[in-house]
Amino acid sequence: MYRSAASRNSMFFHIKMNYQPKYKKLVFFKKNNAGRNDSGRIIARTKTSVLVKRRDIKINYTLNYTKINFIGGFVFLPYKNRLLSLFFFSNGAVSYFLATRNHKIFHCSTFLFNKKIKGLRFRKLFAVIFRIKKLSFLSCLSIRPVIKAQYVRAPGCKSRLFKFDEETHSVVMEMPSKARKLFSYYSFAFFGAMANHHHKNFSTGKAGYWRSFGEKSTVRGVAKNPVDHPHGGRTKAIKYQRTPWGKTTKYK
């Protein structure tokens, strides 16, 4: 059933590939909770739609995938300053992972072996820690194999495999802070350092950094006059949070 003249002249293509439904769920729009009370009602006025609704990507921090995969593309997250790799697996799964400096476009990789098959070079991008050589640089670590990666995920960070302990089935990793920490023998990790190693050269504490992303600095309500904001006109007085119309937002 056509609802407009534009839809009558449109052509729709339905791709019957098994990864198409999973690919759509990776990107979603998330509403920011800023300016809302406990019941979800908006209590603060916003100047732009950036503060209300923002495009977000679901990042996968679980690395225990044993299927053949390749990197189909990269996505940069400006507010988090991170680079993501889009992985396509042989079983039809599609997922976003944190990119490392070893990731390249159309780079085929496997979990089990490194060799050529019909002109294609398969490499390892992630593996179990006990199969990795000593003094290798790793990133995106998990302290146990059953949980997601929680360590060495910041841009440009890397850790080093320092020592194996076969009795306790654990390894000693040298963290980016030069501190040493125990990890499980059977945890997964990425090879190499995380991407975007120039992240340390940027200062996020100044307003000009966020102005480059389209965000303007906002004035605090307590710094305004009482005619401009319900929080204004007081000298560090303790009061409950108020709505733009002067009503309290406590227990609402």
C-alpha atoms as a PDB file:
ATOM      1  CA  MET A   1       0.000   0.000   0.000  1.00  0.00           C
ATOM      2  CA  TYR A   2       1.519   3.332  -1.120  1.00  0.00           C
ATOM      3  CA  ARG A   3       1.014   6.323   1.170  1.00  0.00           C
ATOM      4  CA  SER A   4       2.682   9.083  -0.874  1.00  0.00           C
ATOM      5  CA  ALA A   5       3.871   9.922  -4.371  1.00  0.00           C
ATOM      6  CA  ALA A   6       7.506   9.469  -3.326  1.00  0.00           C
ATOM      7  CA  SER A   7       6.907   5.901  -2.179  1.00  0.00           C
ATOM      8  CA  ARG A   8       5.328   4.971  -5.522  1.00  0.00           C
ATOM      9  CA  ASN A   9       8.533   5.834  -7.352  1.00  0.00           C
ATOM     10  CA  SER A  10      10.785   4.026  -4.869  1.00  0.00           C
ATOM     11  CA  MET A  11      12.284   0.591  -5.358  1.00  0.00           C
ATOM     12  CA  PHE A  12      12.759  -1.709  -2.371  1.00  0.00           C
ATOM     13  CA  PHE A  13      15.344  -4.494  -2.315  1.00  0.00           C
ATOM     14  CA  HIS A  14      15.029  -7.273   0.268  1.00  0.00           C
ATOM     15  CA  ILE A  15      18.375  -8.986   0.924  1.00  0.00           C
ATOM     16  CA  LYS A  16      17.923 -12.529   2.214  1.00  0.00           C
ATOM     17  CA  MET A  17      21.285 -12.783   3.954  1.00  0.00           C
ATOM     18  CA  ASN A  18      21.565 -14.147   7.450  1.00  0.00           C
ATOM     19  CA  TYR A  19      23.561 -11.207   8.825  1.00  0.00           C
ATOM     20  CA  GLN A  20      21.140  -8.466   7.758  1.00  0.00           C
ATOM     21  CA  PRO A  21      18.801  -8.579  10.833  1.00  0.00           C
ATOM     22  CA  LYS A  22      21.776  -8.681  13.222  1.00  0.00           C
ATOM     23  CA  TYR A  23      23.496  -5.751  11.535  1.00  0.00           C
ATOM     24  CA  LYS A  24      20.547  -3.391  12.150  1.00  0.00           C
ATOM     25  CA  LYS A  25      20.631  -3.981  15.904  1.00  0.00           C
ATOM     26  CA  LEU A  26      24.204  -2.770  16.277  1.00  0.00           C
ATOM     27  CA  VAL A  27      23.369   0.930  15.850  1.00  0.00           C
ATOM     28  CA  PHE A  28      20.614   2.558  17.906  1.00  0.00           C
ATOM     29  CA  PHE A  29      19.610   5.982  19.161  1.00  0.00           C
ATOM     30  CA  LYS A  30      19.871   6.581  22.883  1.00  0.00           C
ATOM     31  CA  LYS A  31      18.238   9.362  24.830  1.00  0.00           C
ATOM     32  CA  ASN A  32      20.346  11.193  27.346  1.00  0.00           C
ATOM     33  CA  ASN A  33      19.069  11.165  30.946  1.00  0.00           C
ATOM     34  CA  ALA A  34      20.321  14.701  31.612  1.00  0.00           C
ATOM     35  CA  GLY A  35      17.556  17.141  32.505  1.00  0.00           C
ATOM     36  CA  ARG A  36      15.112  14.444  33.678  1.00  0.00           C
ATOM     37  CA  ASN A  37      13.764  13.589  37.096  1.00  0.00           C
ATOM     38  CA  ASP A  38      13.280  10.120  38.581  1.00  0.00           C
ATOM     39  CA  SER A  39      10.011   9.562  36.722  1.00  0.00           C
ATOM     40  CA  GLY A  40      11.585  10.390  33.338  1.00  0.00           C
ATOM     41  CA  ARG A  41       9.877  13.741  32.790  1.00  0.00           C
ATOM     42  CA  ILE A  42      12.005  16.437  31.148  1.00  0.00           C
ATOM     43  CA  ILE A  43      12.608  19.197  33.688  1.00  0.00           C
ATOM     44  CA  ALA A  44      15.291  21.244  31.910  1.00  0.00           C
ATOM     45  CA  ARG A  45      15.214  23.039  28.595  1.00  0.00           C
ATOM     46  CA  THR A  46      17.853  22.122  26.008  1.00  0.00           C
ATOM     47  CA  LYS A  47      19.132  24.276  23.158  1.00  0.00           C
ATOM     48  CA  THR A  48      19.974  21.504  20.706  1.00  0.00           C
ATOM     49  CA  SER A  49      18.823  17.971  20.004  1.00  0.00           C
ATOM     50  CA  VAL A  50      22.296  16.594  20.773  1.00  0.00           C
ATOM     51  CA  LEU A  51      21.531  16.626  24.478  1.00  0.00           C
ATOM     52  CA  VAL A  52      18.264  14.735  24.017  1.00  0.00           C
ATOM     53  CA  LYS A  53      18.963  12.002  21.480  1.00  0.00           C
ATOM     54  CA  ARG A  54      22.314  10.611  20.388  1.00  0.00           C
ATOM     55  CA  ARG A  55      23.411   7.861  18.013  1.00  0.00           C
ATOM     56  CA  ASP A  56      25.135   5.036  19.855  1.00  0.00           C
ATOM     57  CA  ILE A  57      26.877   1.828  18.760  1.00  0.00           C
ATOM     58  CA  LYS A  58      26.858  -1.432  20.679  1.00  0.00           C
ATOM     59  CA  ILE A  59      30.453  -2.533  21.292  1.00  0.00           C
ATOM     60  CA  ASN A  60      31.238  -6.214  21.829  1.00  0.00           C
ATOM     61  CA  TYR A  61      33.874  -6.865  24.509  1.00  0.00           C
ATOM     62  CA  THR A  62      33.664 -10.682  24.323  1.00  0.00           C
ATOM     63  CA  LEU A  63      36.496 -12.156  22.250  1.00  0.00           C
ATOM     64  CA  ASN A  64      35.784 -15.903  22.436  1.00  0.00           C
ATOM     65  CA  TYR A  65      34.878 -16.272  18.740  1.00  0.00           C
ATOM     66  CA  THR A  66      36.438 -19.220  16.894  1.00  0.00           C
ATOM     67  CA  LYS A  67      34.930 -18.665  13.428  1.00  0.00           C
ATOM     68  CA  ILE A  68      36.680 -17.275  10.362  1.00  0.00           C
ATOM     69  CA  ASN A  69      36.178 -13.520  10.157  1.00  0.00           C
ATOM     70  CA  PHE A  70      37.236 -10.437   8.269  1.00  0.00           C
ATOM     71  CA  ILE A  71      37.144  -6.693   8.932  1.00  0.00           C
ATOM     72  CA  GLY A  72      34.550  -4.951   6.770  1.00  0.00           C
ATOM     73  CA  GLY A  73      35.023  -1.365   7.907  1.00  0.00           C
ATOM     74  CA  PHE A  74      35.859   1.101  10.648  1.00  0.00           C
ATOM     75  CA  VAL A  75      33.755   3.576  12.643  1.00  0.00           C
ATOM     76  CA  PHE A  76      35.065   6.467  14.720  1.00  0.00           C
ATOM     77  CA  LEU A  77      33.235   7.570  17.880  1.00  0.00           C
ATOM     78  CA  PRO A  78      33.947  11.298  18.267  1.00  0.00           C
ATOM     79  CA  TYR A  79      32.678  11.803  21.818  1.00  0.00           C
ATOM     80  CA  LYS A  80      34.560   8.771  23.144  1.00  0.00           C
ATOM     81  CA  ASN A  81      37.517   9.221  20.756  1.00  0.00           C
ATOM     82  CA  ARG A  82      37.586   5.519  19.914  1.00  0.00           C
ATOM     83  CA  LEU A  83      37.982   3.570  16.688  1.00  0.00           C
ATOM     84  CA  LEU A  84      35.798   0.492  16.123  1.00  0.00           C
ATOM     85  CA  SER A  85      36.245  -2.412  13.699  1.00  0.00           C
ATOM     86  CA  LEU A  86      33.246  -4.093  12.068  1.00  0.00           C
ATOM     87  CA  PHE A  87      33.814  -7.878  12.049  1.00  0.00           C
ATOM     88  CA  PHE A  88      31.918 -10.268   9.760  1.00  0.00           C
ATOM     89  CA  PHE A  89      32.034 -13.935  10.857  1.00  0.00           C
ATOM     90  CA  SER A  90      31.524 -17.065   8.777  1.00  0.00           C
ATOM     91  CA  ASN A  91      28.437 -18.100  10.783  1.00  0.00           C
ATOM     92  CA  GLY A  92      26.648 -14.849   9.882  1.00  0.00           C
ATOM     93  CA  ALA A  93      27.396 -12.867  13.032  1.00  0.00           C
ATOM     94  CA  VAL A  94      28.323  -9.191  12.741  1.00  0.00           C
ATOM     95  CA  SER A  95      29.726  -7.205  15.624  1.00  0.00           C
ATOM     96  CA  TYR A  96      31.735  -4.098  16.506  1.00  0.00           C
ATOM     97  CA  PHE A  97      35.022  -4.540  18.373  1.00  0.00           C
ATOM     98  CA  LEU A  98      37.603  -2.059  19.620  1.00  0.00           C
ATOM     99  CA  ALA A  99      40.194  -1.548  16.896  1.00  0.00           C
ATOM    100  CA  THR A 100      43.904  -2.112  17.442  1.00  0.00           C
ATOM    101  CA  ARG A 101      46.880  -0.945  15.442  1.00  0.00           C
ATOM    102  CA  ASN A 102      47.038  -4.372  13.744  1.00  0.00           C
ATOM    103  CA  HIS A 103      43.570  -4.104  12.197  1.00  0.00           C
ATOM    104  CA  LYS A 104      43.364  -3.435   8.460  1.00  0.00           C
ATOM    105  CA  ILE A 105      40.461  -3.246   6.049  1.00  0.00           C
ATOM    106  CA  PHE A 106      39.439  -6.639   4.580  1.00  0.00           C
ATOM    107  CA  HIS A 107      41.899  -8.344   6.914  1.00  0.00           C
ATOM    108  CA  CYS A 108      40.947 -12.051   7.205  1.00  0.00           C
ATOM    109  CA  SER A 109      41.717 -13.717  10.512  1.00  0.00           C
ATOM    110  CA  THR A 110      41.144 -16.994  12.319  1.00  0.00           C
ATOM    111  CA  PHE A 111      41.434 -18.183  15.866  1.00  0.00           C
ATOM    112  CA  LEU A 112      43.244 -21.474  15.236  1.00  0.00           C
ATOM    113  CA  PHE A 113      45.980 -21.091  12.623  1.00  0.00           C
ATOM    114  CA  ASN A 114      48.138 -18.781  10.490  1.00  0.00           C
ATOM    115  CA  LYS A 115      48.435 -19.905   6.884  1.00  0.00           C
ATOM    116  CA  LYS A 116      47.335 -19.257   3.314  1.00  0.00           C
ATOM    117  CA  ILE A 117      44.206 -20.851   1.806  1.00  0.00           C
ATOM    118  CA  LYS A 118      43.628 -20.332  -1.929  1.00  0.00           C
ATOM    119  CA  GLY A 119      45.560 -17.085  -2.031  1.00  0.00           C
ATOM    120  CA  LEU A 120      44.111 -15.673   1.210  1.00  0.00           C
ATOM    121  CA  ARG A 121      46.377 -14.959   4.150  1.00  0.00           C
ATOM    122  CA  PHE A 122      44.728 -15.731   7.475  1.00  0.00           C
ATOM    123  CA  ARG A 123      46.182 -14.187  10.608  1.00  0.00           C
ATOM    124  CA  LYS A 124      45.431 -14.138  14.301  1.00  0.00           C
ATOM    125  CA  LEU A 125      43.953 -10.955  15.720  1.00  0.00           C
ATOM    126  CA  PHE A 126      42.953 -12.411  19.104  1.00  0.00           C
ATOM    127  CA  ALA A 127      43.758 -15.650  20.912  1.00  0.00           C
ATOM    128  CA  VAL A 128      43.890 -17.344  24.316  1.00  0.00           C
ATOM    129  CA  ILE A 129      46.693 -15.996  26.474  1.00  0.00           C
ATOM    130  CA  PHE A 130      48.437 -19.355  27.044  1.00  0.00           C
ATOM    131  CA  ARG A 131      48.923 -19.690  23.247  1.00  0.00           C
ATOM    132  CA  ILE A 132      50.673 -16.325  23.006  1.00  0.00           C
ATOM    133  CA  LYS A 133      54.438 -15.917  23.193  1.00  0.00           C
ATOM    134  CA  LYS A 134      56.091 -14.336  26.182  1.00  0.00           C
ATOM    135  CA  LEU A 135      56.786 -10.561  26.143  1.00  0.00           C
ATOM    136  CA  SER A 136      54.041  -9.963  23.555  1.00  0.00           C
ATOM    137  CA  PHE A 137      52.002  -6.772  23.609  1.00  0.00           C
ATOM    138  CA  LEU A 138      48.284  -7.347  24.268  1.00  0.00           C
ATOM    139  CA  SER A 139      45.167  -5.257  24.771  1.00  0.00           C
ATOM    140  CA  CYS A 140      41.474  -5.607  25.649  1.00  0.00           C
ATOM    141  CA  LEU A 141      42.047  -8.094  28.481  1.00  0.00           C
ATOM    142  CA  SER A 142      39.600  -9.950  30.722  1.00  0.00           C
ATOM    143  CA  ILE A 143      40.660 -11.228  34.119  1.00  0.00           C
ATOM    144  CA  ARG A 144      38.578 -14.402  33.651  1.00  0.00           C
ATOM    145  CA  PRO A 145      37.390 -16.076  30.434  1.00  0.00           C
ATOM    146  CA  VAL A 146      33.699 -15.957  31.420  1.00  0.00           C
ATOM    147  CA  ILE A 147      33.500 -12.178  31.671  1.00  0.00           C
ATOM    148  CA  LYS A 148      33.954  -9.371  29.162  1.00  0.00           C
ATOM    149  CA  ALA A 149      37.158  -7.427  28.656  1.00  0.00           C
ATOM    150  CA  GLN A 150      37.645  -4.775  31.335  1.00  0.00           C
ATOM    151  CA  TYR A 151      41.333  -3.847  31.152  1.00  0.00           C
ATOM    152  CA  VAL A 152      43.561  -2.051  28.611  1.00  0.00           C
ATOM    153  CA  ARG A 153      40.691  -0.643  26.544  1.00  0.00           C
ATOM    154  CA  ALA A 154      41.667   3.038  26.404  1.00  0.00           C
ATOM    155  CA  PRO A 155      42.965   4.460  23.087  1.00  0.00           C
ATOM    156  CA  GLY A 156      46.682   3.868  22.606  1.00  0.00           C
ATOM    157  CA  CYS A 157      47.110   1.603  25.658  1.00  0.00           C
ATOM    158  CA  LYS A 158      48.873  -1.749  25.660  1.00  0.00           C
ATOM    159  CA  SER A 159      50.070  -4.351  28.162  1.00  0.00           C
ATOM    160  CA  ARG A 160      52.863  -6.908  28.039  1.00  0.00           C
ATOM    161  CA  LEU A 161      52.860 -10.608  28.830  1.00  0.00           C
ATOM    162  CA  PHE A 162      55.497 -10.841  31.539  1.00  0.00           C
ATOM    163  CA  LYS A 163      55.401 -14.312  33.093  1.00  0.00           C
ATOM    164  CA  PHE A 164      53.576 -17.684  32.986  1.00  0.00           C
ATOM    165  CA  ASP A 165      52.558 -19.569  36.130  1.00  0.00           C
ATOM    166  CA  GLU A 166      51.624 -23.137  35.176  1.00  0.00           C
ATOM    167  CA  GLU A 167      50.783 -24.241  38.721  1.00  0.00           C
ATOM    168  CA  THR A 168      48.008 -21.702  39.245  1.00  0.00           C
ATOM    169  CA  HIS A 169      47.054 -21.464  35.524  1.00  0.00           C
ATOM    170  CA  SER A 170      47.616 -17.737  35.517  1.00  0.00           C
ATOM    171  CA  VAL A 171      49.844 -15.170  33.823  1.00  0.00           C
ATOM    172  CA  VAL A 172      51.448 -11.967  35.030  1.00  0.00           C
ATOM    173  CA  MET A 173      50.675  -8.955  32.839  1.00  0.00           C
ATOM    174  CA  GLU A 174      52.468  -5.631  32.959  1.00  0.00           C
ATOM    175  CA  MET A 175      49.755  -2.966  32.741  1.00  0.00           C
ATOM    176  CA  PRO A 176      50.145   0.467  31.066  1.00  0.00           C
ATOM    177  CA  SER A 177      50.754   1.934  34.550  1.00  0.00           C
ATOM    178  CA  LYS A 178      53.755  -0.458  34.955  1.00  0.00           C
ATOM    179  CA  ALA A 179      51.857  -2.332  37.659  1.00  0.00           C
ATOM    180  CA  ARG A 180      51.699  -6.127  37.403  1.00  0.00           C
ATOM    181  CA  LYS A 181      48.436  -8.029  37.641  1.00  0.00           C
ATOM    182  CA  LEU A 182      47.362 -11.690  37.487  1.00  0.00           C
ATOM    183  CA  PHE A 183      45.085 -12.899  34.698  1.00  0.00           C
ATOM    184  CA  SER A 184      43.620 -16.271  33.863  1.00  0.00           C
ATOM    185  CA  TYR A 185      45.420 -18.727  31.571  1.00  0.00           C
ATOM    186  CA  TYR A 186      42.339 -19.084  29.371  1.00  0.00           C
ATOM    187  CA  SER A 187      41.356 -15.466  28.859  1.00  0.00           C
ATOM    188  CA  PHE A 188      41.217 -13.922  25.392  1.00  0.00           C
ATOM    189  CA  ALA A 189      43.111 -10.833  24.284  1.00  0.00           C
ATOM    190  CA  PHE A 190      43.864  -8.746  21.195  1.00  0.00           C
ATOM    191  CA  PHE A 191      47.345  -8.598  19.705  1.00  0.00           C
ATOM    192  CA  GLY A 192      49.069  -5.215  19.702  1.00  0.00           C
ATOM    193  CA  ALA A 193      48.146  -1.849  21.170  1.00  0.00           C
ATOM    194  CA  MET A 194      44.796  -0.115  20.912  1.00  0.00           C
ATOM    195  CA  ALA A 195      44.229   2.249  18.012  1.00  0.00           C
ATOM    196  CA  ASN A 196      44.343   6.047  18.115  1.00  0.00           C
ATOM    197  CA  HIS A 197      47.573   6.400  20.062  1.00  0.00           C
ATOM    198  CA  HIS A 198      47.405  10.194  19.500  1.00  0.00           C
ATOM    199  CA  HIS A 199      44.631  10.379  22.084  1.00  0.00           C
ATOM    200  CA  LYS A 200      47.072  11.516  24.792  1.00  0.00           C
ATOM    201  CA  ASN A 201      47.940  14.624  22.774  1.00  0.00           C
ATOM    202  CA  PHE A 202      44.409  16.042  23.072  1.00  0.00           C
ATOM    203  CA  SER A 203      43.134  17.918  26.115  1.00  0.00           C
ATOM    204  CA  THR A 204      39.445  17.346  26.854  1.00  0.00           C
ATOM    205  CA  GLY A 205      39.447  19.847  29.719  1.00  0.00           C
ATOM    206  CA  LYS A 206      39.082  22.938  27.561  1.00  0.00           C
ATOM    207  CA  ALA A 207      35.866  24.131  25.941  1.00  0.00           C
ATOM    208  CA  GLY A 208      37.436  24.342  22.482  1.00  0.00           C
ATOM    209  CA  TYR A 209      37.791  20.552  22.313  1.00  0.00           C
ATOM    210  CA  TRP A 210      34.049  19.989  22.654  1.00  0.00           C
ATOM    211  CA  ARG A 211      33.207  22.953  20.440  1.00  0.00           C
ATOM    212  CA  SER A 212      34.859  21.046  17.576  1.00  0.00           C
ATOM    213  CA  PHE A 213      32.151  18.384  18.026  1.00  0.00           C
ATOM    214  CA  GLY A 214      29.332  20.938  17.983  1.00  0.00           C
ATOM    215  CA  GLU A 215      28.738  21.181  21.735  1.00  0.00           C
ATOM    216  CA  LYS A 216      28.586  24.581  23.454  1.00  0.00           C
ATOM    217  CA  SER A 217      29.553  25.158  27.056  1.00  0.00           C
ATOM    218  CA  THR A 218      26.607  25.759  29.394  1.00  0.00           C
ATOM    219  CA  VAL A 219      26.436  28.127  32.338  1.00  0.00           C
ATOM    220  CA  ARG A 220      25.588  26.607  35.711  1.00  0.00           C
ATOM    221  CA  GLY A 221      22.261  27.526  37.215  1.00  0.00           C
ATOM    222  CA  VAL A 222      23.768  28.634  40.541  1.00  0.00           C
ATOM    223  CA  ALA A 223      25.880  31.203  38.679  1.00  0.00           C
ATOM    224  CA  LYS A 224      22.806  32.981  37.238  1.00  0.00           C
ATOM    225  CA  ASN A 225      20.391  35.514  38.640  1.00  0.00           C
ATOM    226  CA  PRO A 226      17.080  34.366  40.167  1.00  0.00           C
ATOM    227  CA  VAL A 227      15.155  35.816  37.208  1.00  0.00           C
ATOM    228  CA  ASP A 228      17.106  33.590  34.816  1.00  0.00           C
ATOM    229  CA  HIS A 229      17.141  30.275  36.666  1.00  0.00           C
ATOM    230  CA  PRO A 230      15.524  28.765  39.806  1.00  0.00           C
ATOM    231  CA  HIS A 231      18.976  27.929  41.212  1.00  0.00           C
ATOM    232  CA  GLY A 232      20.304  31.467  40.818  1.00  0.00           C
ATOM    233  CA  GLY A 233      20.631  34.276  43.350  1.00  0.00           C
ATOM    234  CA  ARG A 234      22.066  32.194  46.173  1.00  0.00           C
ATOM    235  CA  THR A 235      25.570  32.096  47.596  1.00  0.00           C
ATOM    236  CA  LYS A 236      26.254  28.379  47.957  1.00  0.00           C
ATOM    237  CA  ALA A 237      22.920  27.711  49.647  1.00  0.00           C
ATOM    238  CA  ILE A 238      21.779  24.107  49.974  1.00  0.00           C
ATOM    239  CA  LYS A 239      18.412  23.546  48.333  1.00  0.00           C
ATOM    240  CA  TYR A 240      16.778  20.751  46.420  1.00  0.00           C
ATOM    241  CA  GLN A 241      16.952  20.630  42.657  1.00  0.00           C
ATOM    242  CA  ARG A 242      14.269  22.718  40.975  1.00  0.00           C
ATOM    243  CA  THR A 243      12.480  22.573  37.659  1.00  0.00           C
ATOM    244  CA  PRO A 244      12.604  25.531  35.243  1.00  0.00           C
ATOM    245  CA  TRP A 245       9.256  26.548  36.718  1.00  0.00           C
ATOM    246  CA  GLY A 246      10.541  26.653  40.365  1.00  0.00           C
ATOM    247  CA  LYS A 247       9.051  23.382  41.623  1.00  0.00           C
ATOM    248  CA  THR A 248      11.136  20.894  43.568  1.00  0.00           C
ATOM    249  CA  THR A 249      12.131  17.645  41.842  1.00  0.00           C
ATOM    250  CA  LYS A 250      12.703  15.627  45.002  1.00  0.00           C
ATOM    251  CA  TYR A 251      11.010  12.190  45.040  1.00  0.00           C
ATOM    252  CA  LYS A 252       9.563  12.662  41.542  1.00  0.00           C
END
